[in-house]
Amino acid sequence: MSGQLPLDGEDDGSGPLDGDTYIDMGGDPFGELDSPIHWPSLTGPERDRRMDQLEEWVDQLVTRFALDTRVVPPCWARHNAMVETLSALRDHERASYHATAPPTAAVDWLRALRDVEALLRSIAGQTQCTAQTHRSEIRRVPRSTDPTDSQQV
């Protein structure tokens, strides 16, 4: 090439996310759009298959956007709130970059990424997981059942 950026649909193969990146994930991620995944409804084998796909996508997302472990800790897949949040973000990306999406959809996706990054940071703060340590229990303040407790809303 003559120093120009590749046109839409072209791949110069020079970047870390060349044309084979998504093919390696099992095909075109922006092909036929399915409905969002409702994780609680999945059977064991279906959940395993979907989780494998999501893990590959999350690995690439973390690399593409240099997301800190305080946003997506290494144990994210062991926290349902993170799984469902990241799955929703992936669905949003797929719809935003689908051939039928409007030209403004990319910015909408970046806004969603910003919003979800803040949500993931909050969830990670609740789990108190670090790059080295996984904590399976989220610490919660028990809700009072005392009717005279003025802190209940």
N, C-alpha and C. Protein backbone atom coordinates (compact mmCIF):
# COMPACT_ATOMS: atom_id res chain seq x y z
N MET A 1 0.82 -1.18 0.00
CA MET A 1 0.00 0.00 0.00
C MET A 1 0.87 1.24 0.00
N SER A 2 0.28 2.33 -0.35
CA SER A 2 1.04 3.58 -0.50
C SER A 2 0.94 4.47 0.73
N GLY A 3 0.96 3.88 1.93
CA GLY A 3 0.90 4.66 3.14
C GLY A 3 -0.50 5.12 3.51
N GLN A 4 -1.49 4.75 2.72
CA GLN A 4 -2.87 5.12 3.03
C GLN A 4 -3.49 4.06 3.91
N LEU A 5 -4.48 4.48 4.66
CA LEU A 5 -5.24 3.51 5.44
C LEU A 5 -6.04 2.63 4.51
N PRO A 6 -6.27 1.37 4.88
CA PRO A 6 -7.06 0.49 4.02
C PRO A 6 -8.50 0.98 3.95
N LEU A 7 -9.14 0.73 2.83
CA LEU A 7 -10.54 1.06 2.66
C LEU A 7 -11.39 0.08 3.43
N ASP A 8 -12.67 0.44 3.63
CA ASP A 8 -13.58 -0.48 4.29
C ASP A 8 -13.55 -1.83 3.59
N GLY A 9 -13.46 -2.89 4.39
CA GLY A 9 -13.45 -4.23 3.82
C GLY A 9 -12.07 -4.73 3.46
N GLU A 10 -11.07 -3.83 3.45
CA GLU A 10 -9.71 -4.25 3.15
C GLU A 10 -8.97 -4.49 4.46
N ASP A 11 -7.96 -5.32 4.41
CA ASP A 11 -7.15 -5.60 5.59
C ASP A 11 -5.71 -5.59 5.15
N ASP A 12 -4.92 -4.70 5.76
CA ASP A 12 -3.52 -4.66 5.38
C ASP A 12 -2.70 -5.68 6.16
N GLY A 13 -3.31 -6.33 7.18
CA GLY A 13 -2.63 -7.40 7.91
C GLY A 13 -1.53 -6.93 8.82
N SER A 14 -1.35 -5.61 8.98
CA SER A 14 -0.22 -5.12 9.74
C SER A 14 -0.52 -4.94 11.22
N GLY A 15 -1.78 -4.85 11.60
CA GLY A 15 -2.12 -4.56 12.98
C GLY A 15 -2.31 -5.81 13.80
N PRO A 16 -2.40 -5.63 15.11
CA PRO A 16 -2.59 -6.78 15.99
C PRO A 16 -3.96 -7.42 15.80
N LEU A 17 -4.91 -6.66 15.26
CA LEU A 17 -6.24 -7.20 15.02
C LEU A 17 -6.48 -7.25 13.53
N ASP A 18 -5.74 -8.09 12.86
CA ASP A 18 -5.90 -8.19 11.40
C ASP A 18 -7.16 -8.97 11.06
N GLY A 19 -7.39 -9.20 9.81
CA GLY A 19 -8.62 -9.82 9.34
C GLY A 19 -8.89 -11.19 9.90
N ASP A 20 -7.88 -11.90 10.37
CA ASP A 20 -8.09 -13.24 10.89
C ASP A 20 -8.55 -13.25 12.34
N THR A 21 -8.50 -12.10 13.01
CA THR A 21 -8.83 -12.05 14.42
C THR A 21 -10.20 -12.61 14.71
N TYR A 22 -11.22 -12.11 14.02
CA TYR A 22 -12.58 -12.57 14.30
C TYR A 22 -12.87 -13.90 13.64
N ILE A 23 -12.20 -14.20 12.55
CA ILE A 23 -12.37 -15.51 11.93
C ILE A 23 -11.92 -16.59 12.90
N ASP A 24 -10.84 -16.31 13.64
CA ASP A 24 -10.36 -17.26 14.64
C ASP A 24 -11.38 -17.47 15.75
N MET A 25 -12.27 -16.52 15.94
CA MET A 25 -13.30 -16.63 16.98
C MET A 25 -14.48 -17.46 16.50
N GLY A 26 -14.42 -17.98 15.31
CA GLY A 26 -15.51 -18.84 14.85
C GLY A 26 -16.39 -18.19 13.81
N GLY A 27 -15.92 -17.18 13.15
CA GLY A 27 -16.70 -16.58 12.08
C GLY A 27 -16.87 -15.09 12.25
N ASP A 28 -17.74 -14.54 11.43
CA ASP A 28 -18.00 -13.12 11.41
C ASP A 28 -18.87 -12.73 12.60
N PRO A 29 -18.35 -11.92 13.55
CA PRO A 29 -19.15 -11.57 14.72
C PRO A 29 -20.28 -10.61 14.38
N PHE A 30 -20.25 -10.05 13.18
CA PHE A 30 -21.26 -9.08 12.81
C PHE A 30 -22.20 -9.64 11.75
N GLY A 31 -22.23 -10.96 11.64
CA GLY A 31 -23.13 -11.61 10.69
C GLY A 31 -24.55 -11.57 11.22
N GLU A 32 -25.25 -12.66 11.11
CA GLU A 32 -26.64 -12.75 11.56
C GLU A 32 -26.73 -12.39 13.04
N LEU A 33 -27.58 -11.42 13.35
CA LEU A 33 -27.75 -11.01 14.74
C LEU A 33 -28.77 -11.89 15.43
N ASP A 34 -28.39 -12.42 16.58
CA ASP A 34 -29.30 -13.18 17.42
C ASP A 34 -29.87 -12.25 18.47
N SER A 35 -30.81 -12.76 19.21
CA SER A 35 -31.32 -11.98 20.34
C SER A 35 -30.26 -12.00 21.44
N PRO A 36 -30.37 -11.09 22.40
CA PRO A 36 -29.40 -11.10 23.50
C PRO A 36 -29.44 -12.44 24.25
N ILE A 37 -28.35 -12.77 24.88
CA ILE A 37 -28.25 -14.02 25.63
C ILE A 37 -28.83 -13.80 27.03
N HIS A 38 -29.76 -14.66 27.42
CA HIS A 38 -30.28 -14.65 28.78
C HIS A 38 -29.56 -15.78 29.51
N TRP A 39 -28.48 -15.43 30.19
CA TRP A 39 -27.59 -16.43 30.80
C TRP A 39 -28.28 -17.38 31.76
N PRO A 40 -29.22 -16.92 32.59
CA PRO A 40 -29.86 -17.87 33.51
C PRO A 40 -30.65 -18.98 32.81
N SER A 41 -31.03 -18.75 31.55
CA SER A 41 -31.83 -19.74 30.82
C SER A 41 -31.00 -20.80 30.11
N LEU A 42 -29.70 -20.63 30.06
CA LEU A 42 -28.85 -21.54 29.28
C LEU A 42 -28.64 -22.87 30.00
N THR A 43 -28.56 -23.94 29.21
CA THR A 43 -28.20 -25.24 29.76
C THR A 43 -26.68 -25.26 29.99
N GLY A 44 -26.20 -26.23 30.72
CA GLY A 44 -24.77 -26.32 31.00
C GLY A 44 -23.89 -26.31 29.76
N PRO A 45 -24.14 -27.21 28.79
CA PRO A 45 -23.30 -27.22 27.59
C PRO A 45 -23.42 -25.93 26.76
N GLU A 46 -24.62 -25.37 26.69
CA GLU A 46 -24.80 -24.13 25.94
C GLU A 46 -24.09 -22.97 26.65
N ARG A 47 -24.16 -22.95 27.96
CA ARG A 47 -23.47 -21.91 28.72
C ARG A 47 -21.96 -22.02 28.51
N ASP A 48 -21.43 -23.24 28.53
CA ASP A 48 -20.00 -23.44 28.31
C ASP A 48 -19.57 -22.93 26.94
N ARG A 49 -20.36 -23.24 25.91
CA ARG A 49 -20.05 -22.81 24.55
C ARG A 49 -20.08 -21.28 24.45
N ARG A 50 -21.13 -20.69 25.01
CA ARG A 50 -21.26 -19.22 24.96
C ARG A 50 -20.16 -18.56 25.78
N MET A 51 -19.79 -19.17 26.91
CA MET A 51 -18.73 -18.60 27.74
C MET A 51 -17.39 -18.62 27.01
N ASP A 52 -17.10 -19.71 26.30
CA ASP A 52 -15.86 -19.77 25.52
C ASP A 52 -15.80 -18.62 24.52
N GLN A 53 -16.91 -18.37 23.84
CA GLN A 53 -16.96 -17.27 22.87
C GLN A 53 -16.79 -15.92 23.56
N LEU A 54 -17.46 -15.75 24.68
CA LEU A 54 -17.38 -14.48 25.39
C LEU A 54 -15.97 -14.24 25.92
N GLU A 55 -15.33 -15.29 26.42
CA GLU A 55 -13.96 -15.15 26.95
C GLU A 55 -13.01 -14.66 25.87
N GLU A 56 -13.13 -15.19 24.67
CA GLU A 56 -12.28 -14.72 23.56
C GLU A 56 -12.54 -13.26 23.26
N TRP A 57 -13.81 -12.87 23.22
CA TRP A 57 -14.15 -11.49 22.92
C TRP A 57 -13.64 -10.56 24.03
N VAL A 58 -13.81 -10.95 25.29
CA VAL A 58 -13.37 -10.11 26.40
C VAL A 58 -11.85 -9.96 26.37
N ASP A 59 -11.12 -11.03 26.08
CA ASP A 59 -9.66 -10.93 25.96
C ASP A 59 -9.28 -9.87 24.93
N GLN A 60 -9.96 -9.89 23.80
CA GLN A 60 -9.67 -8.90 22.76
C GLN A 60 -10.09 -7.50 23.18
N LEU A 61 -11.23 -7.37 23.84
CA LEU A 61 -11.69 -6.07 24.32
C LEU A 61 -10.68 -5.46 25.28
N VAL A 62 -10.22 -6.25 26.23
CA VAL A 62 -9.24 -5.79 27.22
C VAL A 62 -7.97 -5.32 26.51
N THR A 63 -7.54 -6.04 25.50
CA THR A 63 -6.35 -5.66 24.75
C THR A 63 -6.59 -4.41 23.91
N ARG A 64 -7.70 -4.39 23.17
CA ARG A 64 -8.01 -3.26 22.28
C ARG A 64 -8.10 -1.94 23.03
N PHE A 65 -8.69 -1.96 24.21
CA PHE A 65 -8.94 -0.73 24.94
C PHE A 65 -8.10 -0.60 26.21
N ALA A 66 -7.11 -1.47 26.37
CA ALA A 66 -6.19 -1.43 27.51
C ALA A 66 -6.95 -1.27 28.82
N LEU A 67 -7.94 -2.13 29.02
CA LEU A 67 -8.76 -2.05 30.23
C LEU A 67 -7.98 -2.58 31.43
N ASP A 68 -8.02 -1.84 32.49
CA ASP A 68 -7.30 -2.16 33.72
C ASP A 68 -7.94 -3.35 34.44
N THR A 69 -7.18 -4.05 35.25
CA THR A 69 -7.72 -5.18 36.02
C THR A 69 -8.70 -4.71 37.09
N ARG A 70 -8.73 -3.40 37.38
CA ARG A 70 -9.75 -2.88 38.30
C ARG A 70 -11.09 -2.72 37.59
N VAL A 71 -11.09 -2.86 36.27
CA VAL A 71 -12.32 -2.83 35.48
C VAL A 71 -12.74 -4.26 35.14
N VAL A 72 -11.82 -5.02 34.58
CA VAL A 72 -12.06 -6.43 34.23
C VAL A 72 -10.97 -7.27 34.88
N PRO A 73 -11.23 -7.74 36.10
CA PRO A 73 -10.21 -8.57 36.76
C PRO A 73 -10.09 -9.93 36.08
N PRO A 74 -8.96 -10.60 36.26
CA PRO A 74 -8.77 -11.90 35.61
C PRO A 74 -9.88 -12.92 35.92
N CYS A 75 -10.54 -12.78 37.05
CA CYS A 75 -11.58 -13.73 37.47
C CYS A 75 -12.98 -13.27 37.06
N TRP A 76 -13.09 -12.35 36.11
CA TRP A 76 -14.40 -11.80 35.72
C TRP A 76 -15.41 -12.89 35.39
N ALA A 77 -14.97 -13.97 34.78
CA ALA A 77 -15.89 -15.03 34.34
C ALA A 77 -16.52 -15.77 35.52
N ARG A 78 -16.01 -15.55 36.72
CA ARG A 78 -16.57 -16.20 37.90
C ARG A 78 -17.58 -15.31 38.62
N HIS A 79 -17.89 -14.15 38.02
CA HIS A 79 -18.83 -13.20 38.60
C HIS A 79 -19.97 -12.97 37.61
N ASN A 80 -21.14 -13.48 37.95
CA ASN A 80 -22.27 -13.41 37.04
C ASN A 80 -22.57 -11.98 36.57
N ALA A 81 -22.48 -11.02 37.46
CA ALA A 81 -22.77 -9.63 37.08
C ALA A 81 -21.82 -9.16 35.97
N MET A 82 -20.58 -9.56 36.03
CA MET A 82 -19.62 -9.18 34.99
C MET A 82 -19.89 -9.94 33.70
N VAL A 83 -20.22 -11.22 33.81
CA VAL A 83 -20.52 -12.02 32.62
C VAL A 83 -21.69 -11.39 31.86
N GLU A 84 -22.77 -11.10 32.56
CA GLU A 84 -23.95 -10.57 31.89
C GLU A 84 -23.71 -9.16 31.36
N THR A 85 -22.94 -8.35 32.08
CA THR A 85 -22.62 -7.00 31.63
C THR A 85 -21.76 -7.03 30.38
N LEU A 86 -20.71 -7.84 30.38
CA LEU A 86 -19.83 -7.93 29.22
C LEU A 86 -20.55 -8.56 28.03
N SER A 87 -21.43 -9.49 28.28
CA SER A 87 -22.21 -10.09 27.20
C SER A 87 -23.10 -9.05 26.54
N ALA A 88 -23.72 -8.21 27.35
CA ALA A 88 -24.57 -7.14 26.82
C ALA A 88 -23.75 -6.15 25.99
N LEU A 89 -22.54 -5.85 26.45
CA LEU A 89 -21.67 -4.95 25.70
C LEU A 89 -21.28 -5.56 24.36
N ARG A 90 -20.99 -6.86 24.37
CA ARG A 90 -20.68 -7.53 23.10
C ARG A 90 -21.87 -7.49 22.15
N ASP A 91 -23.06 -7.73 22.66
CA ASP A 91 -24.26 -7.64 21.82
C ASP A 91 -24.40 -6.24 21.23
N HIS A 92 -24.13 -5.24 22.05
CA HIS A 92 -24.22 -3.86 21.58
C HIS A 92 -23.20 -3.60 20.47
N GLU A 93 -21.99 -4.12 20.64
CA GLU A 93 -20.97 -3.95 19.60
C GLU A 93 -21.41 -4.63 18.30
N ARG A 94 -21.91 -5.83 18.42
CA ARG A 94 -22.35 -6.56 17.22
C ARG A 94 -23.43 -5.78 16.47
N ALA A 95 -24.39 -5.26 17.20
CA ALA A 95 -25.47 -4.50 16.55
C ALA A 95 -24.95 -3.17 16.00
N SER A 96 -24.01 -2.55 16.70
CA SER A 96 -23.48 -1.26 16.27
C SER A 96 -22.65 -1.36 14.99
N TYR A 97 -22.02 -2.49 14.78
CA TYR A 97 -21.16 -2.65 13.61
C TYR A 97 -21.76 -3.57 12.55
N HIS A 98 -23.02 -3.90 12.70
CA HIS A 98 -23.71 -4.70 11.70
C HIS A 98 -23.93 -3.86 10.45
N ALA A 99 -24.04 -4.51 9.32
CA ALA A 99 -24.21 -3.80 8.05
C ALA A 99 -25.45 -2.91 8.04
N THR A 100 -26.44 -3.22 8.85
CA THR A 100 -27.67 -2.43 8.87
C THR A 100 -27.61 -1.26 9.85
N ALA A 101 -26.53 -1.13 10.61
CA ALA A 101 -26.41 -0.07 11.60
C ALA A 101 -26.17 1.28 10.92
N PRO A 102 -26.67 2.35 11.52
CA PRO A 102 -26.42 3.69 10.95
C PRO A 102 -24.96 4.09 11.17
N PRO A 103 -24.48 5.06 10.42
CA PRO A 103 -23.08 5.49 10.55
C PRO A 103 -22.74 6.02 11.95
N THR A 104 -23.72 6.46 12.70
CA THR A 104 -23.48 7.00 14.04
C THR A 104 -23.39 5.91 15.11
N ALA A 105 -23.62 4.68 14.75
CA ALA A 105 -23.66 3.59 15.73
C ALA A 105 -22.32 3.36 16.41
N ALA A 106 -21.22 3.63 15.73
CA ALA A 106 -19.91 3.42 16.34
C ALA A 106 -19.73 4.32 17.56
N VAL A 107 -20.18 5.56 17.46
CA VAL A 107 -20.08 6.47 18.61
C VAL A 107 -21.02 6.01 19.72
N ASP A 108 -22.18 5.51 19.36
CA ASP A 108 -23.10 4.97 20.37
C ASP A 108 -22.43 3.81 21.11
N TRP A 109 -21.70 2.97 20.37
CA TRP A 109 -21.03 1.85 21.01
C TRP A 109 -19.93 2.35 21.95
N LEU A 110 -19.20 3.37 21.54
CA LEU A 110 -18.16 3.91 22.41
C LEU A 110 -18.76 4.52 23.68
N ARG A 111 -19.91 5.12 23.57
CA ARG A 111 -20.60 5.63 24.77
C ARG A 111 -21.01 4.46 25.66
N ALA A 112 -21.51 3.41 25.06
CA ALA A 112 -21.88 2.22 25.84
C ALA A 112 -20.65 1.63 26.52
N LEU A 113 -19.52 1.60 25.83
CA LEU A 113 -18.28 1.10 26.43
C LEU A 113 -17.92 1.95 27.64
N ARG A 114 -18.01 3.27 27.50
CA ARG A 114 -17.70 4.17 28.62
C ARG A 114 -18.63 3.87 29.81
N ASP A 115 -19.92 3.75 29.54
CA ASP A 115 -20.89 3.49 30.61
C ASP A 115 -20.66 2.13 31.27
N VAL A 116 -20.42 1.13 30.46
CA VAL A 116 -20.20 -0.22 30.98
C VAL A 116 -18.87 -0.31 31.72
N GLU A 117 -17.87 0.43 31.27
CA GLU A 117 -16.60 0.45 31.99
C GLU A 117 -16.81 0.95 33.42
N ALA A 118 -17.61 1.99 33.59
CA ALA A 118 -17.91 2.50 34.93
C ALA A 118 -18.68 1.46 35.75
N LEU A 119 -19.64 0.79 35.13
CA LEU A 119 -20.40 -0.26 35.82
C LEU A 119 -19.49 -1.41 36.23
N LEU A 120 -18.62 -1.84 35.33
CA LEU A 120 -17.69 -2.93 35.65
C LEU A 120 -16.74 -2.54 36.78
N ARG A 121 -16.30 -1.29 36.77
CA ARG A 121 -15.42 -0.81 37.85
C ARG A 121 -16.15 -0.88 39.20
N SER A 122 -17.43 -0.53 39.18
CA SER A 122 -18.24 -0.60 40.40
C SER A 122 -18.42 -2.05 40.86
N ILE A 123 -18.72 -2.94 39.93
CA ILE A 123 -18.88 -4.36 40.28
C ILE A 123 -17.57 -4.92 40.82
N ALA A 124 -16.47 -4.56 40.17
CA ALA A 124 -15.15 -5.04 40.62
C ALA A 124 -14.86 -4.52 42.03
N GLY A 125 -15.28 -3.30 42.30
CA GLY A 125 -15.09 -2.75 43.65
C GLY A 125 -15.90 -3.52 44.68
N GLN A 126 -17.09 -3.96 44.31
CA GLN A 126 -17.91 -4.75 45.23
C GLN A 126 -17.30 -6.12 45.48
N THR A 127 -16.74 -6.72 44.45
CA THR A 127 -16.14 -8.05 44.63
C THR A 127 -14.85 -7.98 45.41
N GLN A 128 -14.16 -6.85 45.33
CA GLN A 128 -12.85 -6.65 45.95
C GLN A 128 -11.80 -7.61 45.41
N CYS A 129 -12.01 -8.09 44.18
CA CYS A 129 -11.00 -8.93 43.55
C CYS A 129 -9.86 -8.06 43.05
N THR A 130 -8.68 -8.65 42.98
CA THR A 130 -7.51 -7.94 42.47
C THR A 130 -6.92 -8.77 41.33
N ALA A 131 -5.85 -8.28 40.76
CA ALA A 131 -5.18 -9.02 39.70
C ALA A 131 -4.64 -10.35 40.21
N GLN A 132 -4.37 -10.45 41.51
CA GLN A 132 -3.80 -11.67 42.09
C GLN A 132 -4.80 -12.50 42.89
N THR A 133 -5.91 -11.90 43.35
CA THR A 133 -6.79 -12.57 44.29
C THR A 133 -8.24 -12.53 43.83
N HIS A 134 -8.89 -13.69 43.89
CA HIS A 134 -10.32 -13.78 43.60
C HIS A 134 -11.06 -13.92 44.92
N ARG A 135 -12.13 -13.16 45.04
CA ARG A 135 -13.01 -13.28 46.22
C ARG A 135 -14.38 -13.66 45.70
N SER A 136 -14.88 -14.79 46.14
CA SER A 136 -16.13 -15.29 45.59
C SER A 136 -17.36 -14.62 46.17
N GLU A 137 -17.26 -14.08 47.35
CA GLU A 137 -18.41 -13.46 47.99
C GLU A 137 -18.36 -11.95 47.84
N ILE A 138 -19.49 -11.38 47.45
CA ILE A 138 -19.62 -9.92 47.45
C ILE A 138 -20.10 -9.54 48.84
N ARG A 139 -19.41 -8.60 49.44
CA ARG A 139 -19.78 -8.18 50.79
C ARG A 139 -20.97 -7.23 50.71
N ARG A 140 -22.03 -7.59 51.42
CA ARG A 140 -23.24 -6.77 51.46
C ARG A 140 -23.60 -6.47 52.90
N VAL A 141 -24.20 -5.32 53.07
CA VAL A 141 -24.74 -4.99 54.39
C VAL A 141 -26.12 -5.63 54.44
N PRO A 142 -26.38 -6.46 55.44
CA PRO A 142 -27.69 -7.12 55.52
C PRO A 142 -28.80 -6.08 55.65
N ARG A 143 -29.89 -6.36 54.98
CA ARG A 143 -31.05 -5.47 55.04
C ARG A 143 -31.80 -5.74 56.34
N SER A 144 -32.14 -4.66 57.01
CA SER A 144 -32.83 -4.78 58.29
C SER A 144 -34.28 -5.18 58.06
N THR A 145 -34.79 -6.04 58.93
CA THR A 145 -36.21 -6.41 58.88
C THR A 145 -36.97 -5.76 60.03
N ASP A 146 -36.29 -4.94 60.79
CA ASP A 146 -36.92 -4.24 61.92
C ASP A 146 -37.75 -3.07 61.40
N PRO A 147 -39.09 -3.07 61.64
CA PRO A 147 -39.95 -2.00 61.11
C PRO A 147 -39.63 -0.63 61.72
N THR A 148 -38.91 -0.58 62.83
CA THR A 148 -38.58 0.71 63.43
C THR A 148 -37.26 1.26 62.90
N ASP A 149 -36.61 0.50 62.05
CA ASP A 149 -35.34 0.94 61.47
C ASP A 149 -35.62 2.06 60.48
N SER A 150 -35.12 3.24 60.76
CA SER A 150 -35.40 4.42 59.94
C SER A 150 -34.60 4.45 58.64
N GLN A 151 -33.65 3.55 58.47
CA GLN A 151 -32.84 3.57 57.26
C GLN A 151 -33.49 2.84 56.10
N GLN A 152 -34.54 2.10 56.36
CA GLN A 152 -35.22 1.42 55.26
C GLN A 152 -36.02 2.41 54.47
N VAL A 153 -36.06 2.20 53.17
CA VAL A 153 -36.82 3.10 52.31
C VAL A 153 -38.06 2.40 51.82
